[in-house]
């Protein structure tokens, strides 16, 4: 059974940084394009970053996070990361990982990121 477990969220002041991790199990992780999604209160879940399968040579970002967020992956550890720098209050959301651009797996519990002064 597929399982995705996100971690690394927290409370941070504007301009701060966080590194999110998502550990996968029950899937052949390396072959999937993976992504980080977020859902803010009252809004739909949106894809903010994605990385191709295999060596992860190609990445794509939503305009709202481009230049501030970096997605990466470690296939040996079946983990995908999201380095978030220069955080803004509008980045506040629950962050999830899944395959991308289509979410093929069950959603994890997510990890809360709160950016506030």
PDB file of N, CA and C in Angstrom:
ATOM      1  N   UNK A   1       0.853  -1.189   0.000  1.00  0.00           N
ATOM      2  CA  UNK A   1       0.000   0.000   0.000  1.00  0.00           C
ATOM      3  C   UNK A   1       0.886   1.235   0.000  1.00  0.00           C
ATOM      4  N   UNK A   2       0.573   2.180  -0.901  1.00  0.00           N
ATOM      5  CA  UNK A   2       1.386   3.381  -0.972  1.00  0.00           C
ATOM      6  C   UNK A   2       1.171   4.254   0.257  1.00  0.00           C
ATOM      7  N   UNK A   3       2.237   4.916   0.672  1.00  0.00           N
ATOM      8  CA  UNK A   3       2.156   5.826   1.811  1.00  0.00           C
ATOM      9  C   UNK A   3       3.136   6.967   1.613  1.00  0.00           C
ATOM     10  N   UNK A   4       2.673   8.167   1.874  1.00  0.00           N
ATOM     11  CA  UNK A   4       3.492   9.363   1.799  1.00  0.00           C
ATOM     12  C   UNK A   4       3.430  10.067   3.141  1.00  0.00           C
ATOM     13  N   UNK A   5       4.590  10.374   3.716  1.00  0.00           N
ATOM     14  CA  UNK A   5       4.643  11.010   5.025  1.00  0.00           C
ATOM     15  C   UNK A   5       5.471  12.277   4.925  1.00  0.00           C
ATOM     16  N   UNK A   6       4.795  13.410   5.107  1.00  0.00           N
ATOM     17  CA  UNK A   6       5.452  14.710   5.024  1.00  0.00           C
ATOM     18  C   UNK A   6       5.907  15.171   6.411  1.00  0.00           C
ATOM     19  N   UNK A   7       6.994  15.926   6.433  1.00  0.00           N
ATOM     20  CA  UNK A   7       7.507  16.468   7.699  1.00  0.00           C
ATOM     21  C   UNK A   7       8.326  17.715   7.414  1.00  0.00           C
ATOM     22  N   UNK A   8       8.652  18.431   8.484  1.00  0.00           N
ATOM     23  CA  UNK A   8       9.554  19.577   8.356  1.00  0.00           C
ATOM     24  C   UNK A   8       8.875  20.933   8.427  1.00  0.00           C
ATOM     25  N   UNK A   9       7.561  20.955   8.496  1.00  0.00           N
ATOM     26  CA  UNK A   9       6.869  22.223   8.586  1.00  0.00           C
ATOM     27  C   UNK A   9       7.072  22.884   9.931  1.00  0.00           C
ATOM     28  N   UNK A  10       6.536  24.086  10.050  1.00  0.00           N
ATOM     29  CA  UNK A  10       6.652  24.797  11.311  1.00  0.00           C
ATOM     30  C   UNK A  10       6.243  26.239  11.173  1.00  0.00           C
ATOM     31  N   UNK A  11       6.583  27.001  12.205  1.00  0.00           N
ATOM     32  CA  UNK A  11       6.276  28.423  12.240  1.00  0.00           C
ATOM     33  C   UNK A  11       7.571  29.188  11.956  1.00  0.00           C
ATOM     34  N   UNK A  12       7.504  30.130  11.041  1.00  0.00           N
ATOM     35  CA  UNK A  12       8.692  30.886  10.678  1.00  0.00           C
ATOM     36  C   UNK A  12       8.309  32.322  10.360  1.00  0.00           C
ATOM     37  N   UNK A  13       9.207  33.233  10.612  1.00  0.00           N
ATOM     38  CA  UNK A  13       8.964  34.632  10.305  1.00  0.00           C
ATOM     39  C   UNK A  13       9.188  34.891   8.810  1.00  0.00           C
ATOM     40  N   UNK A  14       8.574  35.930   8.277  1.00  0.00           N
ATOM     41  CA  UNK A  14       8.805  36.268   6.866  1.00  0.00           C
ATOM     42  C   UNK A  14      10.304  36.422   6.586  1.00  0.00           C
ATOM     43  N   UNK A  15      10.710  35.894   5.451  1.00  0.00           N
ATOM     44  CA  UNK A  15      12.117  35.899   5.096  1.00  0.00           C
ATOM     45  C   UNK A  15      12.874  34.674   5.547  1.00  0.00           C
ATOM     46  N   UNK A  16      12.246  33.850   6.367  1.00  0.00           N
ATOM     47  CA  UNK A  16      12.899  32.659   6.887  1.00  0.00           C
ATOM     48  C   UNK A  16      12.884  31.506   5.911  1.00  0.00           C
ATOM     49  N   UNK A  17      13.427  30.376   6.368  1.00  0.00           N
ATOM     50  CA  UNK A  17      13.553  29.192   5.525  1.00  0.00           C
ATOM     51  C   UNK A  17      13.065  27.953   6.255  1.00  0.00           C
ATOM     52  N   UNK A  18      12.609  26.998   5.483  1.00  0.00           N
ATOM     53  CA  UNK A  18      12.246  25.676   5.978  1.00  0.00           C
ATOM     54  C   UNK A  18      12.603  24.647   4.920  1.00  0.00           C
ATOM     55  N   UNK A  19      12.867  23.444   5.366  1.00  0.00           N
ATOM     56  CA  UNK A  19      13.105  22.335   4.433  1.00  0.00           C
ATOM     57  C   UNK A  19      12.110  21.227   4.742  1.00  0.00           C
ATOM     58  N   UNK A  20      11.265  20.933   3.784  1.00  0.00           N
ATOM     59  CA  UNK A  20      10.274  19.882   3.931  1.00  0.00           C
ATOM     60  C   UNK A  20      10.797  18.570   3.356  1.00  0.00           C
ATOM     61  N   UNK A  21      10.350  17.478   3.961  1.00  0.00           N
ATOM     62  CA  UNK A  21      10.697  16.145   3.473  1.00  0.00           C
ATOM     63  C   UNK A  21       9.427  15.334   3.291  1.00  0.00           C
ATOM     64  N   UNK A  22       9.470  14.436   2.335  1.00  0.00           N
ATOM     65  CA  UNK A  22       8.352  13.525   2.118  1.00  0.00           C
ATOM     66  C   UNK A  22       8.924  12.143   1.855  1.00  0.00           C
ATOM     67  N   UNK A  23       8.648  11.220   2.772  1.00  0.00           N
ATOM     68  CA  UNK A  23       9.141   9.854   2.654  1.00  0.00           C
ATOM     69  C   UNK A  23       8.055   8.966   2.070  1.00  0.00           C
ATOM     70  N   UNK A  24       8.406   8.230   1.023  1.00  0.00           N
ATOM     71  CA  UNK A  24       7.449   7.363   0.352  1.00  0.00           C
ATOM     72  C   UNK A  24       7.732   5.902   0.675  1.00  0.00           C
ATOM     73  N   UNK A  25       6.679   5.121   0.718  1.00  0.00           N
ATOM     74  CA  UNK A  25       6.817   3.681   0.874  1.00  0.00           C
ATOM     75  C   UNK A  25       5.720   3.004   0.066  1.00  0.00           C
ATOM     76  N   UNK A  26       5.977   1.753  -0.302  1.00  0.00           N
ATOM     77  CA  UNK A  26       4.970   1.000  -1.036  1.00  0.00           C
ATOM     78  C   UNK A  26       4.852   1.348  -2.503  1.00  0.00           C
ATOM     79  N   UNK A  27       5.778   2.156  -3.025  1.00  0.00           N
ATOM     80  CA  UNK A  27       5.753   2.514  -4.438  1.00  0.00           C
ATOM     81  C   UNK A  27       7.163   2.382  -5.012  1.00  0.00           C
ATOM     82  N   UNK A  28       7.242   2.242  -6.322  1.00  0.00           N
ATOM     83  CA  UNK A  28       8.540   2.263  -7.004  1.00  0.00           C
ATOM     84  C   UNK A  28       8.874   3.727  -7.216  1.00  0.00           C
ATOM     85  N   UNK A  29       9.393   4.347  -6.183  1.00  0.00           N
ATOM     86  CA  UNK A  29       9.511   5.800  -6.082  1.00  0.00           C
ATOM     87  C   UNK A  29      10.273   6.403  -7.260  1.00  0.00           C
ATOM     88  N   UNK A  30      11.360   5.767  -7.658  1.00  0.00           N
ATOM     89  CA  UNK A  30      12.278   6.394  -8.597  1.00  0.00           C
ATOM     90  C   UNK A  30      11.667   6.653  -9.976  1.00  0.00           C
ATOM     91  N   UNK A  31      10.641   5.941 -10.342  1.00  0.00           N
ATOM     92  CA  UNK A  31      10.124   6.089 -11.706  1.00  0.00           C
ATOM     93  C   UNK A  31       9.107   7.216 -11.840  1.00  0.00           C
ATOM     94  N   UNK A  32       8.667   7.753 -10.696  1.00  0.00           N
ATOM     95  CA  UNK A  32       7.587   8.741 -10.747  1.00  0.00           C
ATOM     96  C   UNK A  32       8.085  10.176 -10.722  1.00  0.00           C
ATOM     97  N   UNK A  33       7.439  11.006 -11.562  1.00  0.00           N
ATOM     98  CA  UNK A  33       7.574  12.443 -11.375  1.00  0.00           C
ATOM     99  C   UNK A  33       6.868  12.784 -10.067  1.00  0.00           C
ATOM    100  N   UNK A  34       7.511  13.553  -9.231  1.00  0.00           N
ATOM    101  CA  UNK A  34       6.948  13.884  -7.928  1.00  0.00           C
ATOM    102  C   UNK A  34       6.745  15.385  -7.803  1.00  0.00           C
ATOM    103  N   UNK A  35       5.845  15.761  -6.922  1.00  0.00           N
ATOM    104  CA  UNK A  35       5.577  17.177  -6.747  1.00  0.00           C
ATOM    105  C   UNK A  35       5.228  17.527  -5.320  1.00  0.00           C
ATOM    106  N   UNK A  36       5.345  18.802  -5.029  1.00  0.00           N
ATOM    107  CA  UNK A  36       4.869  19.355  -3.768  1.00  0.00           C
ATOM    108  C   UNK A  36       3.648  20.217  -4.066  1.00  0.00           C
ATOM    109  N   UNK A  37       2.613  19.996  -3.291  1.00  0.00           N
ATOM    110  CA  UNK A  37       1.369  20.730  -3.403  1.00  0.00           C
ATOM    111  C   UNK A  37       1.155  21.483  -2.093  1.00  0.00           C
ATOM    112  N   UNK A  38       0.292  22.479  -2.136  1.00  0.00           N
ATOM    113  CA  UNK A  38      -0.085  23.152  -0.901  1.00  0.00           C
ATOM    114  C   UNK A  38      -1.550  23.560  -0.969  1.00  0.00           C
ATOM    115  N   UNK A  39      -2.130  23.639   0.214  1.00  0.00           N
ATOM    116  CA  UNK A  39      -3.525  24.050   0.321  1.00  0.00           C
ATOM    117  C   UNK A  39      -3.655  25.040   1.463  1.00  0.00           C
ATOM    118  N   UNK A  40      -3.991  26.247   1.115  1.00  0.00           N
ATOM    119  CA  UNK A  40      -4.223  27.292   2.104  1.00  0.00           C
ATOM    120  C   UNK A  40      -5.690  27.258   2.519  1.00  0.00           C
ATOM    121  N   UNK A  41      -6.011  27.787   3.700  1.00  0.00           N
ATOM    122  CA  UNK A  41      -7.406  27.785   4.162  1.00  0.00           C
ATOM    123  C   UNK A  41      -8.335  28.429   3.145  1.00  0.00           C
ATOM    124  N   UNK A  42      -9.409  27.734   2.808  1.00  0.00           N
ATOM    125  CA  UNK A  42     -10.392  28.264   1.887  1.00  0.00           C
ATOM    126  C   UNK A  42     -10.007  28.233   0.434  1.00  0.00           C
ATOM    127  N   UNK A  43      -8.870  27.627   0.129  1.00  0.00           N
ATOM    128  CA  UNK A  43      -8.409  27.588  -1.253  1.00  0.00           C
ATOM    129  C   UNK A  43      -8.224  26.142  -1.720  1.00  0.00           C
ATOM    130  N   UNK A  44      -8.168  25.981  -3.019  1.00  0.00           N
ATOM    131  CA  UNK A  44      -7.940  24.659  -3.582  1.00  0.00           C
ATOM    132  C   UNK A  44      -6.465  24.282  -3.471  1.00  0.00           C
ATOM    133  N   UNK A  45      -6.213  22.997  -3.438  1.00  0.00           N
ATOM    134  CA  UNK A  45      -4.852  22.508  -3.430  1.00  0.00           C
ATOM    135  C   UNK A  45      -4.189  22.860  -4.762  1.00  0.00           C
ATOM    136  N   UNK A  46      -2.947  23.327  -4.698  1.00  0.00           N
ATOM    137  CA  UNK A  46      -2.238  23.714  -5.904  1.00  0.00           C
ATOM    138  C   UNK A  46      -0.854  23.066  -5.932  1.00  0.00           C
ATOM    139  N   UNK A  47      -0.412  22.763  -7.128  1.00  0.00           N
ATOM    140  CA  UNK A  47       0.926  22.207  -7.331  1.00  0.00           C
ATOM    141  C   UNK A  47       1.921  23.359  -7.397  1.00  0.00           C
ATOM    142  N   UNK A  48       2.944  23.328  -6.548  1.00  0.00           N
ATOM    143  CA  UNK A  48       3.904  24.435  -6.519  1.00  0.00           C
ATOM    144  C   UNK A  48       5.272  24.049  -7.071  1.00  0.00           C
ATOM    145  N   UNK A  49       5.606  22.755  -7.080  1.00  0.00           N
ATOM    146  CA  UNK A  49       6.913  22.344  -7.590  1.00  0.00           C
ATOM    147  C   UNK A  49       6.839  20.884  -8.011  1.00  0.00           C
ATOM    148  N   UNK A  50       7.553  20.537  -9.057  1.00  0.00           N
ATOM    149  CA  UNK A  50       7.595  19.144  -9.473  1.00  0.00           C
ATOM    150  C   UNK A  50       8.973  18.808 -10.031  1.00  0.00           C
ATOM    151  N   UNK A  51       9.284  17.522  -9.978  1.00  0.00           N
ATOM    152  CA  UNK A  51      10.582  17.045 -10.413  1.00  0.00           C
ATOM    153  C   UNK A  51      10.379  15.741 -11.157  1.00  0.00           C
ATOM    154  N   UNK A  52      11.130  15.559 -12.226  1.00  0.00           N
ATOM    155  CA  UNK A  52      10.966  14.352 -13.019  1.00  0.00           C
ATOM    156  C   UNK A  52      11.503  13.130 -12.290  1.00  0.00           C
ATOM    157  N   UNK A  53      11.062  11.969 -12.719  1.00  0.00           N
ATOM    158  CA  UNK A  53      11.542  10.727 -12.154  1.00  0.00           C
ATOM    159  C   UNK A  53      12.978  10.456 -12.555  1.00  0.00           C
ATOM    160  N   UNK A  54      13.514   9.351 -12.069  1.00  0.00           N
ATOM    161  CA  UNK A  54      14.894   9.027 -12.362  1.00  0.00           C
ATOM    162  C   UNK A  54      15.825   9.971 -11.621  1.00  0.00           C
ATOM    163  N   UNK A  55      16.721  10.586 -12.354  1.00  0.00           N
ATOM    164  CA  UNK A  55      17.703  11.462 -11.728  1.00  0.00           C
ATOM    165  C   UNK A  55      17.152  12.834 -11.379  1.00  0.00           C
ATOM    166  N   UNK A  56      15.920  13.101 -11.766  1.00  0.00           N
ATOM    167  CA  UNK A  56      15.329  14.396 -11.435  1.00  0.00           C
ATOM    168  C   UNK A  56      15.980  15.544 -12.183  1.00  0.00           C
ATOM    169  N   UNK A  57      16.233  15.333 -13.438  1.00  0.00           N
ATOM    170  CA  UNK A  57      16.944  16.354 -14.212  1.00  0.00           C
ATOM    171  C   UNK A  57      16.128  17.613 -14.455  1.00  0.00           C
ATOM    172  N   UNK A  58      14.826  17.468 -14.480  1.00  0.00           N
ATOM    173  CA  UNK A  58      13.984  18.604 -14.809  1.00  0.00           C
ATOM    174  C   UNK A  58      13.079  18.966 -13.651  1.00  0.00           C
ATOM    175  N   UNK A  59      12.992  20.252 -13.374  1.00  0.00           N
ATOM    176  CA  UNK A  59      12.113  20.754 -12.325  1.00  0.00           C
ATOM    177  C   UNK A  59      11.260  21.892 -12.880  1.00  0.00           C
ATOM    178  N   UNK A  60      10.107  22.064 -12.273  1.00  0.00           N
ATOM    179  CA  UNK A  60       9.210  23.154 -12.656  1.00  0.00           C
ATOM    180  C   UNK A  60       8.595  23.739 -11.399  1.00  0.00           C
ATOM    181  N   UNK A  61       8.325  25.039 -11.461  1.00  0.00           N
ATOM    182  CA  UNK A  61       7.800  25.731 -10.289  1.00  0.00           C
ATOM    183  C   UNK A  61       6.645  26.645 -10.676  1.00  0.00           C
ATOM    184  N   UNK A  62       5.719  26.789  -9.756  1.00  0.00           N
ATOM    185  CA  UNK A  62       4.687  27.800  -9.927  1.00  0.00           C
ATOM    186  C   UNK A  62       5.338  29.172  -9.868  1.00  0.00           C
ATOM    187  N   UNK A  63       4.773  30.117 -10.574  1.00  0.00           N
ATOM    188  CA  UNK A  63       5.347  31.458 -10.598  1.00  0.00           C
ATOM    189  C   UNK A  63       5.467  32.054  -9.198  1.00  0.00           C
ATOM    190  N   UNK A  64       4.543  31.699  -8.337  1.00  0.00           N
ATOM    191  CA  UNK A  64       4.518  32.277  -6.997  1.00  0.00           C
ATOM    192  C   UNK A  64       5.705  31.858  -6.141  1.00  0.00           C
ATOM    193  N   UNK A  65       6.373  30.765  -6.497  1.00  0.00           N
ATOM    194  CA  UNK A  65       7.484  30.282  -5.670  1.00  0.00           C
ATOM    195  C   UNK A  65       8.798  30.236  -6.436  1.00  0.00           C
ATOM    196  N   UNK A  66       8.764  30.545  -7.710  1.00  0.00           N
ATOM    197  CA  UNK A  66       9.960  30.457  -8.541  1.00  0.00           C
ATOM    198  C   UNK A  66      11.060  31.356  -7.996  1.00  0.00           C
ATOM    199  N   UNK A  67      12.261  30.792  -7.899  1.00  0.00           N
ATOM    200  CA  UNK A  67      13.393  31.544  -7.382  1.00  0.00           C
ATOM    201  C   UNK A  67      13.539  31.476  -5.876  1.00  0.00           C
ATOM    202  N   UNK A  68      12.521  30.964  -5.192  1.00  0.00           N
ATOM    203  CA  UNK A  68      12.576  30.870  -3.724  1.00  0.00           C
ATOM    204  C   UNK A  68      12.556  29.424  -3.237  1.00  0.00           C
ATOM    205  N   UNK A  69      11.867  28.558  -3.964  1.00  0.00           N
ATOM    206  CA  UNK A  69      11.735  27.153  -3.572  1.00  0.00           C
ATOM    207  C   UNK A  69      12.583  26.284  -4.498  1.00  0.00           C
ATOM    208  N   UNK A  70      13.120  25.197  -3.938  1.00  0.00           N
ATOM    209  CA  UNK A  70      13.883  24.231  -4.720  1.00  0.00           C
ATOM    210  C   UNK A  70      13.446  22.827  -4.355  1.00  0.00           C
ATOM    211  N   UNK A  71      13.040  22.055  -5.355  1.00  0.00           N
ATOM    212  CA  UNK A  71      12.648  20.672  -5.137  1.00  0.00           C
ATOM    213  C   UNK A  71      13.809  19.761  -5.517  1.00  0.00           C
ATOM    214  N   UNK A  72      13.980  18.697  -4.752  1.00  0.00           N
ATOM    215  CA  UNK A  72      15.024  17.723  -5.041  1.00  0.00           C
ATOM    216  C   UNK A  72      14.545  16.351  -4.567  1.00  0.00           C
ATOM    217  N   UNK A  73      15.289  15.320  -4.931  1.00  0.00           N
ATOM    218  CA  UNK A  73      14.873  13.969  -4.544  1.00  0.00           C
ATOM    219  C   UNK A  73      16.084  13.098  -4.272  1.00  0.00           C
ATOM    220  N   UNK A  74      15.869  12.103  -3.416  1.00  0.00           N
ATOM    221  CA  UNK A  74      16.873  11.091  -3.109  1.00  0.00           C
ATOM    222  C   UNK A  74      16.191   9.745  -3.316  1.00  0.00           C
ATOM    223  N   UNK A  75      16.434   9.120  -4.446  1.00  0.00           N
ATOM    224  CA  UNK A  75      15.724   7.878  -4.767  1.00  0.00           C
ATOM    225  C   UNK A  75      16.114   6.737  -3.834  1.00  0.00           C
ATOM    226  N   UNK A  76      17.347   6.727  -3.379  1.00  0.00           N
ATOM    227  CA  UNK A  76      17.781   5.676  -2.468  1.00  0.00           C
ATOM    228  C   UNK A  76      17.002   5.713  -1.156  1.00  0.00           C
ATOM    229  N   UNK A  77      16.641   6.915  -0.740  1.00  0.00           N
ATOM    230  CA  UNK A  77      15.877   7.073   0.503  1.00  0.00           C
ATOM    231  C   UNK A  77      14.385   7.231   0.235  1.00  0.00           C
ATOM    232  N   UNK A  78      14.005   7.173  -1.032  1.00  0.00           N
ATOM    233  CA  UNK A  78      12.595   7.346  -1.410  1.00  0.00           C
ATOM    234  C   UNK A  78      12.019   8.613  -0.780  1.00  0.00           C
ATOM    235  N   UNK A  79      12.738   9.669  -0.922  1.00  0.00           N
ATOM    236  CA  UNK A  79      12.355  10.929  -0.290  1.00  0.00           C
ATOM    237  C   UNK A  79      12.447  12.073  -1.288  1.00  0.00           C
ATOM    238  N   UNK A  80      11.464  12.971  -1.215  1.00  0.00           N
ATOM    239  CA  UNK A  80      11.504  14.198  -2.001  1.00  0.00           C
ATOM    240  C   UNK A  80      11.525  15.376  -1.029  1.00  0.00           C
ATOM    241  N   UNK A  81      12.280  16.385  -1.373  1.00  0.00           N
ATOM    242  CA  UNK A  81      12.500  17.534  -0.488  1.00  0.00           C
ATOM    243  C   UNK A  81      11.978  18.814  -1.130  1.00  0.00           C
ATOM    244  N   UNK A  82      11.680  19.779  -0.279  1.00  0.00           N
ATOM    245  CA  UNK A  82      11.359  21.122  -0.753  1.00  0.00           C
ATOM    246  C   UNK A  82      12.074  22.124   0.137  1.00  0.00           C
ATOM    247  N   UNK A  83      13.089  22.759  -0.405  1.00  0.00           N
ATOM    248  CA  UNK A  83      13.781  23.823   0.300  1.00  0.00           C
ATOM    249  C   UNK A  83      13.049  25.123   0.012  1.00  0.00           C
ATOM    250  N   UNK A  84      12.600  25.774   1.058  1.00  0.00           N
ATOM    251  CA  UNK A  84      11.826  27.006   0.913  1.00  0.00           C
ATOM    252  C   UNK A  84      12.578  28.143   1.562  1.00  0.00           C
ATOM    253  N   UNK A  85      12.939  29.115   0.781  1.00  0.00           N
ATOM    254  CA  UNK A  85      13.655  30.295   1.259  1.00  0.00           C
ATOM    255  C   UNK A  85      12.814  31.541   1.038  1.00  0.00           C
ATOM    256  N   UNK A  86      13.197  32.606   1.705  1.00  0.00           N
ATOM    257  CA  UNK A  86      12.496  33.894   1.555  1.00  0.00           C
ATOM    258  C   UNK A  86      10.992  33.721   1.685  1.00  0.00           C
ATOM    259  N   UNK A  87      10.598  33.033   2.725  1.00  0.00           N
ATOM    260  CA  UNK A  87       9.181  32.717   2.903  1.00  0.00           C
ATOM    261  C   UNK A  87       8.353  33.973   3.130  1.00  0.00           C
ATOM    262  N   UNK A  88       7.130  33.926   2.622  1.00  0.00           N
ATOM    263  CA  UNK A  88       6.186  35.037   2.721  1.00  0.00           C
ATOM    264  C   UNK A  88       4.929  34.566   3.447  1.00  0.00           C
ATOM    265  N   UNK A  89       4.180  35.479   4.027  1.00  0.00           N
ATOM    266  CA  UNK A  89       2.931  35.070   4.684  1.00  0.00           C
ATOM    267  C   UNK A  89       1.998  34.305   3.746  1.00  0.00           C
ATOM    268  N   UNK A  90       2.008  34.636   2.480  1.00  0.00           N
ATOM    269  CA  UNK A  90       1.133  33.944   1.530  1.00  0.00           C
ATOM    270  C   UNK A  90       1.581  32.507   1.238  1.00  0.00           C
ATOM    271  N   UNK A  91       2.722  32.104   1.760  1.00  0.00           N
ATOM    272  CA  UNK A  91       3.150  30.710   1.639  1.00  0.00           C
ATOM    273  C   UNK A  91       2.523  29.834   2.725  1.00  0.00           C
ATOM    274  N   UNK A  92       1.823  30.456   3.660  1.00  0.00           N
ATOM    275  CA  UNK A  92       1.172  29.706   4.726  1.00  0.00           C
ATOM    276  C   UNK A  92       0.153  28.729   4.143  1.00  0.00           C
ATOM    277  N   UNK A  93       0.309  27.450   4.477  1.00  0.00           N
ATOM    278  CA  UNK A  93      -0.552  26.403   3.927  1.00  0.00           C
ATOM    279  C   UNK A  93      -0.137  25.065   4.522  1.00  0.00           C
ATOM    280  N   UNK A  94      -0.940  24.060   4.256  1.00  0.00           N
ATOM    281  CA  UNK A  94      -0.527  22.682   4.509  1.00  0.00           C
ATOM    282  C   UNK A  94       0.122  22.178   3.221  1.00  0.00           C
ATOM    283  N   UNK A  95       1.308  21.617   3.356  1.00  0.00           N
ATOM    284  CA  UNK A  95       2.075  21.152   2.208  1.00  0.00           C
ATOM    285  C   UNK A  95       2.020  19.629   2.133  1.00  0.00           C
ATOM    286  N   UNK A  96       1.802  19.138   0.915  1.00  0.00           N
ATOM    287  CA  UNK A  96       1.696  17.709   0.651  1.00  0.00           C
ATOM    288  C   UNK A  96       2.618  17.330  -0.508  1.00  0.00           C
ATOM    289  N   UNK A  97       2.991  16.074  -0.563  1.00  0.00           N
ATOM    290  CA  UNK A  97       3.678  15.572  -1.746  1.00  0.00           C
ATOM    291  C   UNK A  97       2.809  14.491  -2.387  1.00  0.00           C
ATOM    292  N   UNK A  98       3.045  14.262  -3.652  1.00  0.00           N
ATOM    293  CA  UNK A  98       2.364  13.220  -4.409  1.00  0.00           C
ATOM    294  C   UNK A  98       3.025  13.189  -5.781  1.00  0.00           C
ATOM    295  N   UNK A  99       2.628  12.255  -6.603  1.00  0.00           N
ATOM    296  CA  UNK A  99       3.128  12.273  -7.963  1.00  0.00           C
ATOM    297  C   UNK A  99       2.559  13.512  -8.658  1.00  0.00           C
ATOM    298  N   UNK A 100       3.195  13.913  -9.713  1.00  0.00           N
ATOM    299  CA  UNK A 100       2.793  15.148 -10.397  1.00  0.00           C
ATOM    300  C   UNK A 100       3.002  14.992 -11.899  1.00  0.00           C
ATOM    301  N   UNK A 101       2.188  15.646 -12.709  1.00  0.00           N
ATOM    302  CA  UNK A 101       1.130  16.563 -12.308  1.00  0.00           C
ATOM    303  C   UNK A 101      -0.162  15.878 -11.862  1.00  0.00           C
ATOM    304  N   UNK A 102      -0.265  14.573 -12.066  1.00  0.00           N
ATOM    305  CA  UNK A 102      -1.440  13.854 -11.564  1.00  0.00           C
ATOM    306  C   UNK A 102      -1.086  13.177 -10.257  1.00  0.00           C
ATOM    307  N   UNK A 103      -1.939  13.334  -9.269  1.00  0.00           N
ATOM    308  CA  UNK A 103      -1.721  12.703  -7.973  1.00  0.00           C
ATOM    309  C   UNK A 103      -2.263  11.282  -8.027  1.00  0.00           C
ATOM    310  N   UNK A 104      -1.364  10.326  -8.084  1.00  0.00           N
ATOM    311  CA  UNK A 104      -1.752   8.928  -8.252  1.00  0.00           C
ATOM    312  C   UNK A 104      -1.898   8.173  -6.939  1.00  0.00           C
ATOM    313  N   UNK A 105      -1.373   8.734  -5.868  1.00  0.00           N
ATOM    314  CA  UNK A 105      -1.327   8.032  -4.597  1.00  0.00           C
ATOM    315  C   UNK A 105      -2.239   8.681  -3.570  1.00  0.00           C
ATOM    316  N   UNK A 106      -2.513   7.926  -2.493  1.00  0.00           N
ATOM    317  CA  UNK A 106      -3.289   8.501  -1.418  1.00  0.00           C
ATOM    318  C   UNK A 106      -2.550   9.669  -0.785  1.00  0.00           C
ATOM    319  N   UNK A 107      -3.299  10.675  -0.367  1.00  0.00           N
ATOM    320  CA  UNK A 107      -2.668  11.839   0.248  1.00  0.00           C
ATOM    321  C   UNK A 107      -2.230  11.534   1.676  1.00  0.00           C
ATOM    322  N   UNK A 108      -1.051  12.063   2.038  1.00  0.00           N
ATOM    323  CA  UNK A 108      -0.598  11.980   3.406  1.00  0.00           C
ATOM    324  C   UNK A 108      -1.293  13.022   4.265  1.00  0.00           C
ATOM    325  N   UNK A 109      -0.813  13.154   5.482  1.00  0.00           N
ATOM    326  CA  UNK A 109      -1.438  14.105   6.409  1.00  0.00           C
ATOM    327  C   UNK A 109      -0.969  15.538   6.157  1.00  0.00           C
ATOM    328  N   UNK A 110       0.087  15.676   5.381  1.00  0.00           N
ATOM    329  CA  UNK A 110       0.610  17.006   5.115  1.00  0.00           C
ATOM    330  C   UNK A 110       1.421  17.540   6.279  1.00  0.00           C
ATOM    331  N   UNK A 111       2.074  18.670   6.039  1.00  0.00           N
ATOM    332  CA  UNK A 111       2.830  19.346   7.088  1.00  0.00           C
ATOM    333  C   UNK A 111       2.503  20.834   7.017  1.00  0.00           C
ATOM    334  N   UNK A 112       2.175  21.394   8.166  1.00  0.00           N
ATOM    335  CA  UNK A 112       1.724  22.792   8.227  1.00  0.00           C
ATOM    336  C   UNK A 112       2.917  23.736   8.190  1.00  0.00           C
ATOM    337  N   UNK A 113       2.826  24.722   7.317  1.00  0.00           N
ATOM    338  CA  UNK A 113       3.804  25.806   7.262  1.00  0.00           C
ATOM    339  C   UNK A 113       3.066  27.104   7.547  1.00  0.00           C
ATOM    340  N   UNK A 114       3.526  27.807   8.560  1.00  0.00           N
ATOM    341  CA  UNK A 114       2.932  29.084   8.923  1.00  0.00           C
ATOM    342  C   UNK A 114       4.002  30.159   8.891  1.00  0.00           C
ATOM    343  N   UNK A 115       3.771  31.189   8.090  1.00  0.00           N
ATOM    344  CA  UNK A 115       4.719  32.297   7.958  1.00  0.00           C
ATOM    345  C   UNK A 115       4.046  33.557   8.497  1.00  0.00           C
ATOM    346  N   UNK A 116       4.574  34.063   9.595  1.00  0.00           N
ATOM    347  CA  UNK A 116       3.949  35.212  10.238  1.00  0.00           C
ATOM    348  C   UNK A 116       4.952  35.911  11.122  1.00  0.00           C
ATOM    349  N   UNK A 117       4.760  37.205  11.263  1.00  0.00           N
ATOM    350  CA  UNK A 117       5.609  37.970  12.169  1.00  0.00           C
ATOM    351  C   UNK A 117       4.939  38.087  13.535  1.00  0.00           C
TER     352      UNK A 117
END
